PDB file of N, CA and C in Angstrom:
ATOM      1  N   MET A   1      40.934  20.541   4.289  1.00  0.00           N
ATOM      2  CA  MET A   1      42.041  20.296   5.207  1.00  0.00           C
ATOM      3  C   MET A   1      41.926  18.876   5.730  1.00  0.00           C
ATOM      4  N   PRO A   2      43.013  18.137   5.735  1.00  0.00           N
ATOM      5  CA  PRO A   2      42.937  16.738   6.159  1.00  0.00           C
ATOM      6  C   PRO A   2      42.815  16.544   7.670  1.00  0.00           C
ATOM      7  N   ILE A   3      42.883  17.628   8.455  1.00  0.00           N
ATOM      8  CA  ILE A   3      42.690  17.521   9.907  1.00  0.00           C
ATOM      9  C   ILE A   3      41.221  17.800  10.219  1.00  0.00           C
ATOM     10  N   ILE A   4      40.585  16.844  10.858  1.00  0.00           N
ATOM     11  CA  ILE A   4      39.176  16.986  11.230  1.00  0.00           C
ATOM     12  C   ILE A   4      39.089  17.195  12.733  1.00  0.00           C
ATOM     13  N   VAL A   5      38.298  18.175  13.134  1.00  0.00           N
ATOM     14  CA  VAL A   5      38.105  18.482  14.550  1.00  0.00           C
ATOM     15  C   VAL A   5      36.806  17.826  15.010  1.00  0.00           C
ATOM     16  N   ASN A   6      36.937  16.971  15.994  1.00  0.00           N
ATOM     17  CA  ASN A   6      35.771  16.249  16.522  1.00  0.00           C
ATOM     18  C   ASN A   6      35.346  16.787  17.888  1.00  0.00           C
ATOM     19  N   LEU A   7      35.534  18.076  18.079  1.00  0.00           N
ATOM     20  CA  LEU A   7      35.178  18.679  19.365  1.00  0.00           C
ATOM     21  C   LEU A   7      33.684  18.538  19.638  1.00  0.00           C
ATOM     22  N   ASP A   8      32.868  18.719  18.615  1.00  0.00           N
ATOM     23  CA  ASP A   8      31.417  18.607  18.808  1.00  0.00           C
ATOM     24  C   ASP A   8      31.013  17.197  19.228  1.00  0.00           C
ATOM     25  N   VAL A   9      31.706  16.199  18.708  1.00  0.00           N
ATOM     26  CA  VAL A   9      31.407  14.808  19.063  1.00  0.00           C
ATOM     27  C   VAL A   9      31.731  14.558  20.535  1.00  0.00           C
ATOM     28  N   MET A  10      32.914  15.035  20.965  1.00  0.00           N
ATOM     29  CA  MET A  10      33.310  14.833  22.362  1.00  0.00           C
ATOM     30  C   MET A  10      32.405  15.617  23.310  1.00  0.00           C
ATOM     31  N   MET A  11      32.010  16.818  22.895  1.00  0.00           N
ATOM     32  CA  MET A  11      31.090  17.599  23.731  1.00  0.00           C
ATOM     33  C   MET A  11      29.749  16.888  23.866  1.00  0.00           C
ATOM     34  N   ALA A  12      29.274  16.290  22.781  1.00  0.00           N
ATOM     35  CA  ALA A  12      28.000  15.567  22.829  1.00  0.00           C
ATOM     36  C   ALA A  12      28.121  14.339  23.730  1.00  0.00           C
ATOM     37  N   LYS A  13      29.245  13.623  23.640  1.00  0.00           N
ATOM     38  CA  LYS A  13      29.450  12.446  24.499  1.00  0.00           C
ATOM     39  C   LYS A  13      29.466  12.820  25.969  1.00  0.00           C
ATOM     40  N   ARG A  14      30.025  13.998  26.277  1.00  0.00           N
ATOM     41  CA  ARG A  14      30.107  14.458  27.674  1.00  0.00           C
ATOM     42  C   ARG A  14      28.898  15.308  28.068  1.00  0.00           C
ATOM     43  N   LYS A  15      27.989  15.497  27.100  1.00  0.00           N
ATOM     44  CA  LYS A  15      26.778  16.303  27.325  1.00  0.00           C
ATOM     45  C   LYS A  15      27.131  17.678  27.871  1.00  0.00           C
ATOM     46  N   MET A  16      28.075  18.331  27.182  1.00  0.00           N
ATOM     47  CA  MET A  16      28.546  19.646  27.603  1.00  0.00           C
ATOM     48  C   MET A  16      28.289  20.658  26.502  1.00  0.00           C
ATOM     49  N   SER A  17      27.782  21.809  26.881  1.00  0.00           N
ATOM     50  CA  SER A  17      27.508  22.860  25.905  1.00  0.00           C
ATOM     51  C   SER A  17      28.779  23.652  25.611  1.00  0.00           C
ATOM     52  N   LEU A  18      28.750  24.397  24.525  1.00  0.00           N
ATOM     53  CA  LEU A  18      29.893  25.230  24.167  1.00  0.00           C
ATOM     54  C   LEU A  18      30.114  26.309  25.226  1.00  0.00           C
ATOM     55  N   ASN A  19      29.035  26.844  25.754  1.00  0.00           N
ATOM     56  CA  ASN A  19      29.156  27.856  26.816  1.00  0.00           C
ATOM     57  C   ASN A  19      29.842  27.280  28.047  1.00  0.00           C
ATOM     58  N   GLU A  20      29.435  26.088  28.468  1.00  0.00           N
ATOM     59  CA  GLU A  20      30.016  25.452  29.642  1.00  0.00           C
ATOM     60  C   GLU A  20      31.492  25.145  29.416  1.00  0.00           C
ATOM     61  N   LEU A  21      31.825  24.623  28.230  1.00  0.00           N
ATOM     62  CA  LEU A  21      33.224  24.318  27.923  1.00  0.00           C
ATOM     63  C   LEU A  21      34.053  25.594  27.903  1.00  0.00           C
ATOM     64  N   SER A  22      33.505  26.647  27.334  1.00  0.00           N
ATOM     65  CA  SER A  22      34.200  27.932  27.265  1.00  0.00           C
ATOM     66  C   SER A  22      34.539  28.433  28.666  1.00  0.00           C
ATOM     67  N   GLU A  23      33.598  28.343  29.574  1.00  0.00           N
ATOM     68  CA  GLU A  23      33.834  28.794  30.951  1.00  0.00           C
ATOM     69  C   GLU A  23      34.891  27.954  31.642  1.00  0.00           C
ATOM     70  N   LYS A  24      34.835  26.641  31.451  1.00  0.00           N
ATOM     71  CA  LYS A  24      35.761  25.742  32.144  1.00  0.00           C
ATOM     72  C   LYS A  24      37.172  25.794  31.575  1.00  0.00           C
ATOM     73  N   VAL A  25      37.283  26.016  30.251  1.00  0.00           N
ATOM     74  CA  VAL A  25      38.591  26.023  29.603  1.00  0.00           C
ATOM     75  C   VAL A  25      39.232  27.405  29.659  1.00  0.00           C
ATOM     76  N   GLY A  26      38.412  28.447  29.725  1.00  0.00           N
ATOM     77  CA  GLY A  26      38.940  29.802  29.737  1.00  0.00           C
ATOM     78  C   GLY A  26      39.259  30.324  28.359  1.00  0.00           C
ATOM     79  N   VAL A  27      38.571  29.817  27.358  1.00  0.00           N
ATOM     80  CA  VAL A  27      38.725  30.278  25.974  1.00  0.00           C
ATOM     81  C   VAL A  27      37.401  30.918  25.567  1.00  0.00           C
ATOM     82  N   THR A  28      37.483  31.983  24.794  1.00  0.00           N
ATOM     83  CA  THR A  28      36.259  32.682  24.416  1.00  0.00           C
ATOM     84  C   THR A  28      35.329  31.773  23.618  1.00  0.00           C
ATOM     85  N   LEU A  29      34.064  32.082  23.734  1.00  0.00           N
ATOM     86  CA  LEU A  29      33.053  31.315  23.015  1.00  0.00           C
ATOM     87  C   LEU A  29      33.293  31.356  21.508  1.00  0.00           C
ATOM     88  N   SER A  30      33.666  32.512  21.004  1.00  0.00           N
ATOM     89  CA  SER A  30      33.890  32.638  19.557  1.00  0.00           C
ATOM     90  C   SER A  30      35.085  31.806  19.096  1.00  0.00           C
ATOM     91  N   ASN A  31      36.158  31.781  19.878  1.00  0.00           N
ATOM     92  CA  ASN A  31      37.325  30.972  19.485  1.00  0.00           C
ATOM     93  C   ASN A  31      37.021  29.478  19.559  1.00  0.00           C
ATOM     94  N   LEU A  32      36.251  29.057  20.554  1.00  0.00           N
ATOM     95  CA  LEU A  32      35.871  27.642  20.627  1.00  0.00           C
ATOM     96  C   LEU A  32      34.933  27.282  19.479  1.00  0.00           C
ATOM     97  N   SER A  33      34.075  28.203  19.107  1.00  0.00           N
ATOM     98  CA  SER A  33      33.171  27.963  17.989  1.00  0.00           C
ATOM     99  C   SER A  33      33.950  27.792  16.690  1.00  0.00           C
ATOM    100  N   ILE A  34      34.973  28.622  16.496  1.00  0.00           N
ATOM    101  CA  ILE A  34      35.829  28.506  15.306  1.00  0.00           C
ATOM    102  C   ILE A  34      36.519  27.148  15.289  1.00  0.00           C
ATOM    103  N   LEU A  35      36.998  26.722  16.449  1.00  0.00           N
ATOM    104  CA  LEU A  35      37.647  25.410  16.547  1.00  0.00           C
ATOM    105  C   LEU A  35      36.652  24.292  16.285  1.00  0.00           C
ATOM    106  N   LYS A  36      35.478  24.396  16.876  1.00  0.00           N
ATOM    107  CA  LYS A  36      34.452  23.347  16.751  1.00  0.00           C
ATOM    108  C   LYS A  36      33.991  23.158  15.314  1.00  0.00           C
ATOM    109  N   THR A  37      33.917  24.244  14.573  1.00  0.00           N
ATOM    110  CA  THR A  37      33.437  24.160  13.197  1.00  0.00           C
ATOM    111  C   THR A  37      34.538  23.826  12.197  1.00  0.00           C
ATOM    112  N   GLY A  38      35.767  23.630  12.703  1.00  0.00           N
ATOM    113  CA  GLY A  38      36.858  23.245  11.828  1.00  0.00           C
ATOM    114  C   GLY A  38      37.445  24.395  11.040  1.00  0.00           C
ATOM    115  N   LYS A  39      37.140  25.618  11.415  1.00  0.00           N
ATOM    116  CA  LYS A  39      37.658  26.785  10.699  1.00  0.00           C
ATOM    117  C   LYS A  39      38.980  27.278  11.255  1.00  0.00           C
ATOM    118  N   ALA A  40      39.417  26.730  12.396  1.00  0.00           N
ATOM    119  CA  ALA A  40      40.684  27.161  13.000  1.00  0.00           C
ATOM    120  C   ALA A  40      41.854  26.653  12.176  1.00  0.00           C
ATOM    121  N   LYS A  41      42.888  27.468  12.088  1.00  0.00           N
ATOM    122  CA  LYS A  41      44.103  27.096  11.355  1.00  0.00           C
ATOM    123  C   LYS A  41      45.171  26.552  12.293  1.00  0.00           C
ATOM    124  N   ALA A  42      45.000  26.753  13.600  1.00  0.00           N
ATOM    125  CA  ALA A  42      45.990  26.284  14.571  1.00  0.00           C
ATOM    126  C   ALA A  42      45.319  26.182  15.933  1.00  0.00           C
ATOM    127  N   ILE A  43      45.960  25.440  16.828  1.00  0.00           N
ATOM    128  CA  ILE A  43      45.500  25.351  18.214  1.00  0.00           C
ATOM    129  C   ILE A  43      46.728  25.267  19.102  1.00  0.00           C
ATOM    130  N   ARG A  44      46.704  26.011  20.199  1.00  0.00           N
ATOM    131  CA  ARG A  44      47.814  25.963  21.150  1.00  0.00           C
ATOM    132  C   ARG A  44      47.739  24.655  21.935  1.00  0.00           C
ATOM    133  N   PHE A  45      48.905  24.116  22.259  1.00  0.00           N
ATOM    134  CA  PHE A  45      48.934  22.905  23.082  1.00  0.00           C
ATOM    135  C   PHE A  45      48.266  23.154  24.428  1.00  0.00           C
ATOM    136  N   SER A  46      48.435  24.365  24.966  1.00  0.00           N
ATOM    137  CA  SER A  46      47.824  24.671  26.264  1.00  0.00           C
ATOM    138  C   SER A  46      46.290  24.643  26.163  1.00  0.00           C
ATOM    139  N   THR A  47      45.752  25.096  25.045  1.00  0.00           N
ATOM    140  CA  THR A  47      44.297  25.039  24.844  1.00  0.00           C
ATOM    141  C   THR A  47      43.839  23.603  24.674  1.00  0.00           C
ATOM    142  N   LEU A  48      44.576  22.834  23.876  1.00  0.00           N
ATOM    143  CA  LEU A  48      44.237  21.421  23.673  1.00  0.00           C
ATOM    144  C   LEU A  48      44.320  20.656  24.987  1.00  0.00           C
ATOM    145  N   GLU A  49      45.331  20.958  25.783  1.00  0.00           N
ATOM    146  CA  GLU A  49      45.479  20.320  27.089  1.00  0.00           C
ATOM    147  C   GLU A  49      44.279  20.636  27.991  1.00  0.00           C
ATOM    148  N   ALA A  50      43.875  21.898  28.019  1.00  0.00           N
ATOM    149  CA  ALA A  50      42.741  22.306  28.860  1.00  0.00           C
ATOM    150  C   ALA A  50      41.452  21.633  28.394  1.00  0.00           C
ATOM    151  N   ILE A  51      41.243  21.560  27.092  1.00  0.00           N
ATOM    152  CA  ILE A  51      40.039  20.907  26.558  1.00  0.00           C
ATOM    153  C   ILE A  51      40.038  19.428  26.932  1.00  0.00           C
ATOM    154  N   CYS A  52      41.189  18.772  26.762  1.00  0.00           N
ATOM    155  CA  CYS A  52      41.279  17.346  27.086  1.00  0.00           C
ATOM    156  C   CYS A  52      41.050  17.104  28.582  1.00  0.00           C
ATOM    157  N   GLU A  53      41.553  18.010  29.408  1.00  0.00           N
ATOM    158  CA  GLU A  53      41.370  17.865  30.850  1.00  0.00           C
ATOM    159  C   GLU A  53      39.895  17.981  31.213  1.00  0.00           C
ATOM    160  N   VAL A  54      39.218  18.967  30.651  1.00  0.00           N
ATOM    161  CA  VAL A  54      37.797  19.192  30.966  1.00  0.00           C
ATOM    162  C   VAL A  54      36.922  18.071  30.398  1.00  0.00           C
ATOM    163  N   LEU A  55      37.219  17.641  29.178  1.00  0.00           N
ATOM    164  CA  LEU A  55      36.395  16.603  28.540  1.00  0.00           C
ATOM    165  C   LEU A  55      36.850  15.193  28.886  1.00  0.00           C
ATOM    166  N   ASN A  56      37.960  15.096  29.655  1.00  0.00           N
ATOM    167  CA  ASN A  56      38.499  13.802  30.051  1.00  0.00           C
ATOM    168  C   ASN A  56      38.713  12.906  28.823  1.00  0.00           C
ATOM    169  N   CYS A  57      39.550  13.413  27.912  1.00  0.00           N
ATOM    170  CA  CYS A  57      39.816  12.670  26.674  1.00  0.00           C
ATOM    171  C   CYS A  57      41.265  12.878  26.247  1.00  0.00           C
ATOM    172  N   GLN A  58      41.648  12.270  25.168  1.00  0.00           N
ATOM    173  CA  GLN A  58      42.984  12.386  24.595  1.00  0.00           C
ATOM    174  C   GLN A  58      42.936  13.334  23.395  1.00  0.00           C
ATOM    175  N   PRO A  59      44.094  13.940  23.038  1.00  0.00           N
ATOM    176  CA  PRO A  59      44.107  14.823  21.865  1.00  0.00           C
ATOM    177  C   PRO A  59      43.579  14.134  20.596  1.00  0.00           C
ATOM    178  N   GLY A  60      43.848  12.842  20.472  1.00  0.00           N
ATOM    179  CA  GLY A  60      43.360  12.102  19.309  1.00  0.00           C
ATOM    180  C   GLY A  60      41.848  11.962  19.265  1.00  0.00           C
ATOM    181  N   ASP A  61      41.199  12.174  20.400  1.00  0.00           N
ATOM    182  CA  ASP A  61      39.737  12.164  20.412  1.00  0.00           C
ATOM    183  C   ASP A  61      39.185  13.456  19.814  1.00  0.00           C
ATOM    184  N   ILE A  62      39.995  14.524  19.860  1.00  0.00           N
ATOM    185  CA  ILE A  62      39.572  15.831  19.367  1.00  0.00           C
ATOM    186  C   ILE A  62      39.996  16.043  17.922  1.00  0.00           C
ATOM    187  N   LEU A  63      41.232  15.635  17.593  1.00  0.00           N
ATOM    188  CA  LEU A  63      41.780  15.868  16.261  1.00  0.00           C
ATOM    189  C   LEU A  63      41.983  14.544  15.536  1.00  0.00           C
ATOM    190  N   GLU A  64      41.650  14.535  14.258  1.00  0.00           N
ATOM    191  CA  GLU A  64      41.770  13.318  13.448  1.00  0.00           C
ATOM    192  C   GLU A  64      42.368  13.689  12.098  1.00  0.00           C
ATOM    193  N   TYR A  65      43.295  12.869  11.615  1.00  0.00           N
ATOM    194  CA  TYR A  65      43.890  13.084  10.293  1.00  0.00           C
ATOM    195  C   TYR A  65      43.270  12.124   9.297  1.00  0.00           C
ATOM    196  N   THR A  66      42.866  12.663   8.165  1.00  0.00           N
ATOM    197  CA  THR A  66      42.378  11.813   7.078  1.00  0.00           C
ATOM    198  C   THR A  66      43.065  12.246   5.795  1.00  0.00           C
ATOM    199  N   ALA A  67      43.563  11.298   5.051  1.00  0.00           N
ATOM    200  CA  ALA A  67      44.194  11.611   3.777  1.00  0.00           C
ATOM    201  C   ALA A  67      43.128  12.076   2.795  1.00  0.00           C
ATOM    202  N   GLU A  68      43.459  13.095   2.054  1.00  0.00           N
ATOM    203  CA  GLU A  68      42.475  13.627   1.090  1.00  0.00           C
ATOM    204  C   GLU A  68      42.460  12.807  -0.173  1.00  0.00           C
TER     205      GLU A  68
END
């Protein structure tokens, strides 16, 4: 898939664990794990907004497009 999820990179920059992000965003640990590993097929704007708010970043910091 040409969309790369850089959630793990942003979490490392903010020194935040998946458990902590899950609690702050209100998304289950398993769903965040699926997103973090790039296995998610979609993401709600409301979830992306909450992640960006907690990590203090832009959507482009989380999602990246690369041509295959």
